[in-house]
Amino acid sequence: MAEHWQTILLERYGWYYSANFDAAGMPNNVDIHTHGLFERFNHYDLQICLPVTAGELELVNGLFGIVVDEIALGNRFLPGIPYLGLLAAPVAVSFAMASVAGRRYLRIIYPDIDGEVTAFPFCTQSTQLTDHRPLLPVFHEPGDIVDIGDVAHFILALNTAHGLVYRTGLELATFCLPGEEEPAFGWGAVERLEAVLHKCREICGVEFDMDKIAIQMEVVRKAMLPVSWLVEKGL
């Protein structure tokens, strides 16, 4: 039944949110986050970790709704920047990048009535920003790739998540999963993945062959070997 309503909300509004009030590893054990913004608007989904209760979800809906309305108009929000006009009070809201279950979220950092985030529970919002699980490929950014190890991990992530073995000239825009006719990636995902692959190629330069790395990553995945295996093989 829940999945049915989620589908209806996605079709009608392009997004919905789910709430977990027993989220271990999250500030205040609360994880309320949106679904659909990443796919619909090419914008990171939103997260709230304040200690609200199930009876206050109408307030949460309003808080999310204000930000989503701006996103739907084409506005983009970035971490670390204060934004005025999102609350009735003349105080600024900011965002922090969080990583949960392989996905990136923009966690909304709400201040108190004086615009401060130093007192409890507001001070907790910028803590526990990651659960340390590997990012899914479409949530990588060029800045995540800083050395050849990052290149190998990204190519392995593509292989593991999508069955995609990188090769020179690969067209992500037309790549389909086995048995599927529709492309695996939307336009926003293709743009992000291409940017990360471009950074990978820069890191590889002339010293490393990305096609060779991709073949080795296929072996790593099938044999469930650690990436350190590459070091032993002299990558």
C-alpha atoms as a PDB file:
ATOM      1  CA  MET A   1       0.000   0.000   0.000  1.00  0.00           C
ATOM      2  CA  ALA A   2       2.822   2.404   0.882  1.00  0.00           C
ATOM      3  CA  GLU A   3       4.533   1.786  -2.460  1.00  0.00           C
ATOM      4  CA  HIS A   4       1.245   2.503  -4.229  1.00  0.00           C
ATOM      5  CA  TRP A   5       0.966   5.916  -2.588  1.00  0.00           C
ATOM      6  CA  GLN A   6       4.620   6.653  -3.230  1.00  0.00           C
ATOM      7  CA  THR A   7       4.070   6.002  -6.936  1.00  0.00           C
ATOM      8  CA  ILE A   8       1.018   8.270  -6.977  1.00  0.00           C
ATOM      9  CA  LEU A   9       2.896  11.074  -5.204  1.00  0.00           C
ATOM     10  CA  LEU A  10       5.847  10.781  -7.587  1.00  0.00           C
ATOM     11  CA  GLU A  11       3.579  10.920 -10.622  1.00  0.00           C
ATOM     12  CA  ARG A  12       1.512  13.807  -9.285  1.00  0.00           C
ATOM     13  CA  TYR A  13       4.118  15.967  -7.550  1.00  0.00           C
ATOM     14  CA  GLY A  14       7.497  14.543  -8.521  1.00  0.00           C
ATOM     15  CA  TRP A  15       8.505  13.873  -4.920  1.00  0.00           C
ATOM     16  CA  TYR A  16       7.500  12.564  -1.504  1.00  0.00           C
ATOM     17  CA  TYR A  17       9.242  12.041   1.814  1.00  0.00           C
ATOM     18  CA  SER A  18       9.713   9.201   4.269  1.00  0.00           C
ATOM     19  CA  ALA A  19      10.377   9.417   8.004  1.00  0.00           C
ATOM     20  CA  ASN A  20      12.364   7.172  10.330  1.00  0.00           C
ATOM     21  CA  PHE A  21      12.220   8.080  14.026  1.00  0.00           C
ATOM     22  CA  ASP A  22      14.513   5.239  15.062  1.00  0.00           C
ATOM     23  CA  ALA A  23      17.420   5.896  12.711  1.00  0.00           C
ATOM     24  CA  ALA A  24      20.595   4.709  14.400  1.00  0.00           C
ATOM     25  CA  GLY A  25      23.606   6.790  13.421  1.00  0.00           C
ATOM     26  CA  MET A  26      21.540   9.870  12.583  1.00  0.00           C
ATOM     27  CA  PRO A  27      21.316  13.027  14.738  1.00  0.00           C
ATOM     28  CA  ASN A  28      18.538  12.608  17.299  1.00  0.00           C
ATOM     29  CA  ASN A  29      17.875   9.182  15.713  1.00  0.00           C
ATOM     30  CA  VAL A  30      15.757  10.994  13.129  1.00  0.00           C
ATOM     31  CA  ASP A  31      16.058  10.630   9.359  1.00  0.00           C
ATOM     32  CA  ILE A  32      13.363  12.359   7.316  1.00  0.00           C
ATOM     33  CA  HIS A  33      14.262  12.692   3.662  1.00  0.00           C
ATOM     34  CA  THR A  34      12.693  13.321   0.288  1.00  0.00           C
ATOM     35  CA  HIS A  35      12.585  11.017  -2.718  1.00  0.00           C
ATOM     36  CA  GLY A  36      12.380  12.046  -6.361  1.00  0.00           C
ATOM     37  CA  LEU A  37      14.141  15.419  -6.439  1.00  0.00           C
ATOM     38  CA  PHE A  38      17.365  13.884  -7.729  1.00  0.00           C
ATOM     39  CA  GLU A  39      15.605  12.181 -10.627  1.00  0.00           C
ATOM     40  CA  ARG A  40      12.959  14.834 -11.351  1.00  0.00           C
ATOM     41  CA  PHE A  41      14.886  18.083 -10.864  1.00  0.00           C
ATOM     42  CA  ASN A  42      18.542  16.959 -10.961  1.00  0.00           C
ATOM     43  CA  HIS A  43      18.905  18.312  -7.421  1.00  0.00           C
ATOM     44  CA  TYR A  44      20.022  16.450  -4.333  1.00  0.00           C
ATOM     45  CA  ASP A  45      17.183  15.173  -2.167  1.00  0.00           C
ATOM     46  CA  LEU A  46      16.637  16.910   1.172  1.00  0.00           C
ATOM     47  CA  GLN A  47      17.026  15.624   4.709  1.00  0.00           C
ATOM     48  CA  ILE A  48      15.827  16.819   8.127  1.00  0.00           C
ATOM     49  CA  CYS A  49      17.288  15.419  11.359  1.00  0.00           C
ATOM     50  CA  LEU A  50      15.612  17.568  14.016  1.00  0.00           C
ATOM     51  CA  PRO A  51      13.798  15.680  16.814  1.00  0.00           C
ATOM     52  CA  VAL A  52      10.297  16.103  15.449  1.00  0.00           C
ATOM     53  CA  THR A  53       7.607  13.521  16.137  1.00  0.00           C
ATOM     54  CA  ALA A  54       5.143  11.669  13.948  1.00  0.00           C
ATOM     55  CA  GLY A  55       2.512  14.175  15.071  1.00  0.00           C
ATOM     56  CA  GLU A  56       4.555  17.048  13.640  1.00  0.00           C
ATOM     57  CA  LEU A  57       4.857  15.720  10.094  1.00  0.00           C
ATOM     58  CA  GLU A  58       2.541  18.432   8.797  1.00  0.00           C
ATOM     59  CA  LEU A  59       5.212  20.923   9.865  1.00  0.00           C
ATOM     60  CA  VAL A  60       7.854  18.831   8.094  1.00  0.00           C
ATOM     61  CA  ASN A  61       5.735  18.771   4.949  1.00  0.00           C
ATOM     62  CA  GLY A  62       5.600  22.563   5.014  1.00  0.00           C
ATOM     63  CA  LEU A  63       9.344  22.916   5.587  1.00  0.00           C
ATOM     64  CA  PHE A  64      10.168  20.574   2.721  1.00  0.00           C
ATOM     65  CA  GLY A  65       7.496  22.126   0.518  1.00  0.00           C
ATOM     66  CA  ILE A  66       8.979  25.625   0.710  1.00  0.00           C
ATOM     67  CA  VAL A  67      12.402  24.408  -0.423  1.00  0.00           C
ATOM     68  CA  VAL A  68      11.011  22.051  -3.074  1.00  0.00           C
ATOM     69  CA  ASP A  69       8.927  24.871  -4.557  1.00  0.00           C
ATOM     70  CA  GLU A  70      12.138  26.847  -5.067  1.00  0.00           C
ATOM     71  CA  ILE A  71      13.861  23.839  -6.615  1.00  0.00           C
ATOM     72  CA  ALA A  72      10.933  23.307  -8.987  1.00  0.00           C
ATOM     73  CA  LEU A  73      11.394  26.902 -10.143  1.00  0.00           C
ATOM     74  CA  GLY A  74      14.972  26.094 -11.103  1.00  0.00           C
ATOM     75  CA  ASN A  75      16.746  27.403  -8.020  1.00  0.00           C
ATOM     76  CA  ARG A  76      19.649  25.395  -6.622  1.00  0.00           C
ATOM     77  CA  PHE A  77      20.824  25.139  -3.033  1.00  0.00           C
ATOM     78  CA  LEU A  78      24.434  24.536  -2.027  1.00  0.00           C
ATOM     79  CA  PRO A  79      26.011  23.450   1.265  1.00  0.00           C
ATOM     80  CA  GLY A  80      27.489  26.089   3.549  1.00  0.00           C
ATOM     81  CA  ILE A  81      25.560  29.046   2.120  1.00  0.00           C
ATOM     82  CA  PRO A  82      22.945  30.895   4.253  1.00  0.00           C
ATOM     83  CA  TYR A  83      19.578  31.420   2.571  1.00  0.00           C
ATOM     84  CA  LEU A  84      17.046  33.976   3.757  1.00  0.00           C
ATOM     85  CA  GLY A  85      13.342  33.862   2.937  1.00  0.00           C
ATOM     86  CA  LEU A  86      12.754  30.162   3.527  1.00  0.00           C
ATOM     87  CA  LEU A  87      11.260  30.698   6.990  1.00  0.00           C
ATOM     88  CA  ALA A  88       8.652  33.105   8.316  1.00  0.00           C
ATOM     89  CA  ALA A  89      11.225  34.456  10.779  1.00  0.00           C
ATOM     90  CA  PRO A  90      14.010  36.692   9.389  1.00  0.00           C
ATOM     91  CA  VAL A  91      16.701  34.064   9.958  1.00  0.00           C
ATOM     92  CA  ALA A  92      18.822  32.134   7.480  1.00  0.00           C
ATOM     93  CA  VAL A  93      18.655  28.441   6.673  1.00  0.00           C
ATOM     94  CA  SER A  94      21.754  26.601   5.484  1.00  0.00           C
ATOM     95  CA  PHE A  95      22.531  23.136   4.160  1.00  0.00           C
ATOM     96  CA  ALA A  96      25.140  20.448   4.767  1.00  0.00           C
ATOM     97  CA  MET A  97      26.036  17.570   2.470  1.00  0.00           C
ATOM     98  CA  ALA A  98      25.202  14.194   3.985  1.00  0.00           C
ATOM     99  CA  SER A  99      25.767  10.657   2.728  1.00  0.00           C
ATOM    100  CA  VAL A 100      23.358   7.884   3.708  1.00  0.00           C
ATOM    101  CA  ALA A 101      23.040   4.400   2.189  1.00  0.00           C
ATOM    102  CA  GLY A 102      25.163   5.369  -0.802  1.00  0.00           C
ATOM    103  CA  ARG A 103      23.126   8.472  -1.644  1.00  0.00           C
ATOM    104  CA  ARG A 104      23.969  12.115  -1.103  1.00  0.00           C
ATOM    105  CA  TYR A 105      21.457  14.422   0.558  1.00  0.00           C
ATOM    106  CA  LEU A 106      21.351  18.105   1.348  1.00  0.00           C
ATOM    107  CA  ARG A 107      20.580  18.179   5.050  1.00  0.00           C
ATOM    108  CA  ILE A 108      18.607  21.287   5.965  1.00  0.00           C
ATOM    109  CA  ILE A 109      20.211  23.085   8.916  1.00  0.00           C
ATOM    110  CA  TYR A 110      17.497  25.025  10.715  1.00  0.00           C
ATOM    111  CA  PRO A 111      18.406  27.709  13.291  1.00  0.00           C
ATOM    112  CA  ASP A 112      16.565  28.675  16.448  1.00  0.00           C
ATOM    113  CA  ILE A 113      14.386  31.786  16.563  1.00  0.00           C
ATOM    114  CA  ASP A 114      17.509  33.929  17.024  1.00  0.00           C
ATOM    115  CA  GLY A 115      19.182  32.459  13.965  1.00  0.00           C
ATOM    116  CA  GLU A 116      21.681  30.406  15.993  1.00  0.00           C
ATOM    117  CA  VAL A 117      22.582  26.726  15.739  1.00  0.00           C
ATOM    118  CA  THR A 118      24.702  26.456  18.883  1.00  0.00           C
ATOM    119  CA  ALA A 119      22.083  25.157  21.340  1.00  0.00           C
ATOM    120  CA  PHE A 120      20.501  21.709  21.428  1.00  0.00           C
ATOM    121  CA  PRO A 121      18.959  20.293  19.304  1.00  0.00           C
ATOM    122  CA  PHE A 122      19.982  22.660  16.517  1.00  0.00           C
ATOM    123  CA  CYS A 123      23.687  21.992  17.113  1.00  0.00           C
ATOM    124  CA  THR A 124      23.225  18.298  16.313  1.00  0.00           C
ATOM    125  CA  GLN A 125      22.175  18.837  12.709  1.00  0.00           C
ATOM    126  CA  SER A 126      25.726  19.174  11.374  1.00  0.00           C
ATOM    127  CA  THR A 127      26.927  15.959  13.027  1.00  0.00           C
ATOM    128  CA  GLN A 128      26.879  12.371  11.757  1.00  0.00           C
ATOM    129  CA  LEU A 129      26.947  13.453   8.123  1.00  0.00           C
ATOM    130  CA  THR A 130      27.872  10.030   6.769  1.00  0.00           C
ATOM    131  CA  ASP A 131      27.199   6.384   7.505  1.00  0.00           C
ATOM    132  CA  HIS A 132      30.479   5.548   5.699  1.00  0.00           C
ATOM    133  CA  ARG A 133      28.798   3.369   3.085  1.00  0.00           C
ATOM    134  CA  PRO A 134      30.248   3.622  -0.453  1.00  0.00           C
ATOM    135  CA  LEU A 135      28.535   6.116  -2.726  1.00  0.00           C
ATOM    136  CA  LEU A 136      26.487   4.860  -5.642  1.00  0.00           C
ATOM    137  CA  PRO A 137      28.050   5.899  -8.979  1.00  0.00           C
ATOM    138  CA  VAL A 138      25.521   8.633  -9.830  1.00  0.00           C
ATOM    139  CA  PHE A 139      26.235  10.349  -6.507  1.00  0.00           C
ATOM    140  CA  HIS A 140      29.934  10.759  -7.176  1.00  0.00           C
ATOM    141  CA  GLU A 141      31.315  14.180  -8.037  1.00  0.00           C
ATOM    142  CA  PRO A 142      34.571  15.053  -9.810  1.00  0.00           C
ATOM    143  CA  GLY A 143      36.024  16.234  -6.501  1.00  0.00           C
ATOM    144  CA  ASP A 144      35.733  12.689  -5.136  1.00  0.00           C
ATOM    145  CA  ILE A 145      38.386  11.495  -7.600  1.00  0.00           C
ATOM    146  CA  VAL A 146      41.853  12.514  -6.412  1.00  0.00           C
ATOM    147  CA  ASP A 147      44.089   9.509  -7.156  1.00  0.00           C
ATOM    148  CA  ILE A 148      44.235   6.277  -9.131  1.00  0.00           C
ATOM    149  CA  GLY A 149      42.656   4.366  -6.242  1.00  0.00           C
ATOM    150  CA  ASP A 150      39.568   6.567  -6.514  1.00  0.00           C
ATOM    151  CA  VAL A 151      39.450   5.852 -10.254  1.00  0.00           C
ATOM    152  CA  ALA A 152      39.513   2.112  -9.589  1.00  0.00           C
ATOM    153  CA  HIS A 153      36.790   2.350  -6.928  1.00  0.00           C
ATOM    154  CA  PHE A 154      34.545   4.423  -9.198  1.00  0.00           C
ATOM    155  CA  ILE A 155      34.900   2.013 -12.121  1.00  0.00           C
ATOM    156  CA  LEU A 156      34.197  -0.869  -9.729  1.00  0.00           C
ATOM    157  CA  ALA A 157      31.093   0.960  -8.472  1.00  0.00           C
ATOM    158  CA  LEU A 158      29.827   1.313 -12.061  1.00  0.00           C
ATOM    159  CA  ASN A 159      30.383  -2.391 -12.602  1.00  0.00           C
ATOM    160  CA  THR A 160      28.793  -3.482  -9.325  1.00  0.00           C
ATOM    161  CA  ALA A 161      25.748  -1.194  -9.423  1.00  0.00           C
ATOM    162  CA  HIS A 162      24.979  -1.268 -13.143  1.00  0.00           C
ATOM    163  CA  GLY A 163      26.881  -4.177 -14.681  1.00  0.00           C
ATOM    164  CA  LEU A 164      28.730  -1.578 -16.730  1.00  0.00           C
ATOM    165  CA  VAL A 165      32.274  -2.370 -17.836  1.00  0.00           C
ATOM    166  CA  TYR A 166      33.917   0.890 -18.859  1.00  0.00           C
ATOM    167  CA  ARG A 167      35.562   1.086 -22.253  1.00  0.00           C
ATOM    168  CA  THR A 168      36.825   3.959 -24.354  1.00  0.00           C
ATOM    169  CA  GLY A 169      33.994   5.434 -26.411  1.00  0.00           C
ATOM    170  CA  LEU A 170      31.238   4.119 -24.133  1.00  0.00           C
ATOM    171  CA  GLU A 171      27.994   6.076 -24.652  1.00  0.00           C
ATOM    172  CA  LEU A 172      26.344   6.442 -21.256  1.00  0.00           C
ATOM    173  CA  ALA A 173      23.306   8.162 -22.766  1.00  0.00           C
ATOM    174  CA  THR A 174      22.356   4.993 -24.656  1.00  0.00           C
ATOM    175  CA  PHE A 175      23.583   2.368 -22.181  1.00  0.00           C
ATOM    176  CA  CYS A 176      20.838  -0.116 -21.253  1.00  0.00           C
ATOM    177  CA  LEU A 177      20.795  -2.773 -18.577  1.00  0.00           C
ATOM    178  CA  PRO A 178      20.580  -6.370 -19.860  1.00  0.00           C
ATOM    179  CA  GLY A 179      17.024  -7.102 -20.987  1.00  0.00           C
ATOM    180  CA  GLU A 180      15.987  -3.441 -20.797  1.00  0.00           C
ATOM    181  CA  GLU A 181      15.117  -1.170 -23.719  1.00  0.00           C
ATOM    182  CA  GLU A 182      15.174   2.157 -21.874  1.00  0.00           C
ATOM    183  CA  PRO A 183      18.537   3.826 -21.115  1.00  0.00           C
ATOM    184  CA  ALA A 184      19.776   3.123 -17.599  1.00  0.00           C
ATOM    185  CA  PHE A 185      20.605   6.768 -16.871  1.00  0.00           C
ATOM    186  CA  GLY A 186      18.559   9.950 -17.142  1.00  0.00           C
ATOM    187  CA  TRP A 187      20.046  13.128 -18.614  1.00  0.00           C
ATOM    188  CA  GLY A 188      21.107  14.457 -15.221  1.00  0.00           C
ATOM    189  CA  ALA A 189      22.848  11.220 -14.280  1.00  0.00           C
ATOM    190  CA  VAL A 190      24.646  11.070 -17.635  1.00  0.00           C
ATOM    191  CA  GLU A 191      25.947  14.605 -17.147  1.00  0.00           C
ATOM    192  CA  ARG A 192      27.257  13.812 -13.665  1.00  0.00           C
ATOM    193  CA  LEU A 193      28.815  10.489 -14.645  1.00  0.00           C
ATOM    194  CA  GLU A 194      30.516  11.998 -17.694  1.00  0.00           C
ATOM    195  CA  ALA A 195      32.031  14.716 -15.499  1.00  0.00           C
ATOM    196  CA  VAL A 196      33.408  12.118 -13.085  1.00  0.00           C
ATOM    197  CA  LEU A 197      34.753   9.947 -15.918  1.00  0.00           C
ATOM    198  CA  HIS A 198      36.465  13.014 -17.383  1.00  0.00           C
ATOM    199  CA  LYS A 199      38.201  13.542 -14.031  1.00  0.00           C
ATOM    200  CA  CYS A 200      39.150   9.854 -14.003  1.00  0.00           C
ATOM    201  CA  ARG A 201      40.775  10.201 -17.409  1.00  0.00           C
ATOM    202  CA  GLU A 202      42.694  13.250 -16.189  1.00  0.00           C
ATOM    203  CA  ILE A 203      43.998  11.290 -13.204  1.00  0.00           C
ATOM    204  CA  CYS A 204      45.000   8.366 -15.427  1.00  0.00           C
ATOM    205  CA  GLY A 205      46.811  10.577 -17.918  1.00  0.00           C
ATOM    206  CA  VAL A 206      49.219   8.567 -20.063  1.00  0.00           C
ATOM    207  CA  GLU A 207      50.487   6.446 -17.179  1.00  0.00           C
ATOM    208  CA  PHE A 208      47.351   4.368 -16.610  1.00  0.00           C
ATOM    209  CA  ASP A 209      44.944   2.699 -19.057  1.00  0.00           C
ATOM    210  CA  MET A 210      41.303   3.029 -17.933  1.00  0.00           C
ATOM    211  CA  ASP A 211      40.191   0.187 -20.193  1.00  0.00           C
ATOM    212  CA  LYS A 212      42.726  -2.091 -18.508  1.00  0.00           C
ATOM    213  CA  ILE A 213      41.598  -0.935 -15.063  1.00  0.00           C
ATOM    214  CA  ALA A 214      37.976  -1.689 -16.023  1.00  0.00           C
ATOM    215  CA  ILE A 215      38.873  -5.242 -17.063  1.00  0.00           C
ATOM    216  CA  GLN A 216      40.721  -5.765 -13.796  1.00  0.00           C
ATOM    217  CA  MET A 217      37.768  -4.365 -11.846  1.00  0.00           C
ATOM    218  CA  GLU A 218      35.521  -6.916 -13.554  1.00  0.00           C
ATOM    219  CA  VAL A 219      37.811  -9.639 -12.226  1.00  0.00           C
ATOM    220  CA  VAL A 220      37.760  -8.046  -8.770  1.00  0.00           C
ATOM    221  CA  ARG A 221      33.954  -7.954  -8.737  1.00  0.00           C
ATOM    222  CA  LYS A 222      33.432 -11.503  -9.967  1.00  0.00           C
ATOM    223  CA  ALA A 223      36.016 -12.919  -7.566  1.00  0.00           C
ATOM    224  CA  MET A 224      34.909 -10.601  -4.722  1.00  0.00           C
ATOM    225  CA  LEU A 225      38.516  -9.504  -4.252  1.00  0.00           C
ATOM    226  CA  PRO A 226      39.574  -6.317  -2.433  1.00  0.00           C
ATOM    227  CA  VAL A 227      40.817  -3.442  -4.568  1.00  0.00           C
ATOM    228  CA  SER A 228      44.191  -3.881  -2.836  1.00  0.00           C
ATOM    229  CA  TRP A 229      44.550  -6.878  -5.152  1.00  0.00           C
ATOM    230  CA  LEU A 230      45.430  -4.360  -7.863  1.00  0.00           C
ATOM    231  CA  VAL A 231      48.392  -3.126  -5.882  1.00  0.00           C
ATOM    232  CA  GLU A 232      49.737  -6.651  -5.618  1.00  0.00           C
ATOM    233  CA  LYS A 233      49.343  -6.968  -9.391  1.00  0.00           C
ATOM    234  CA  GLY A 234      51.301  -3.762  -9.912  1.00  0.00           C
ATOM    235  CA  LEU A 235      48.540  -1.479 -11.271  1.00  0.00           C
END
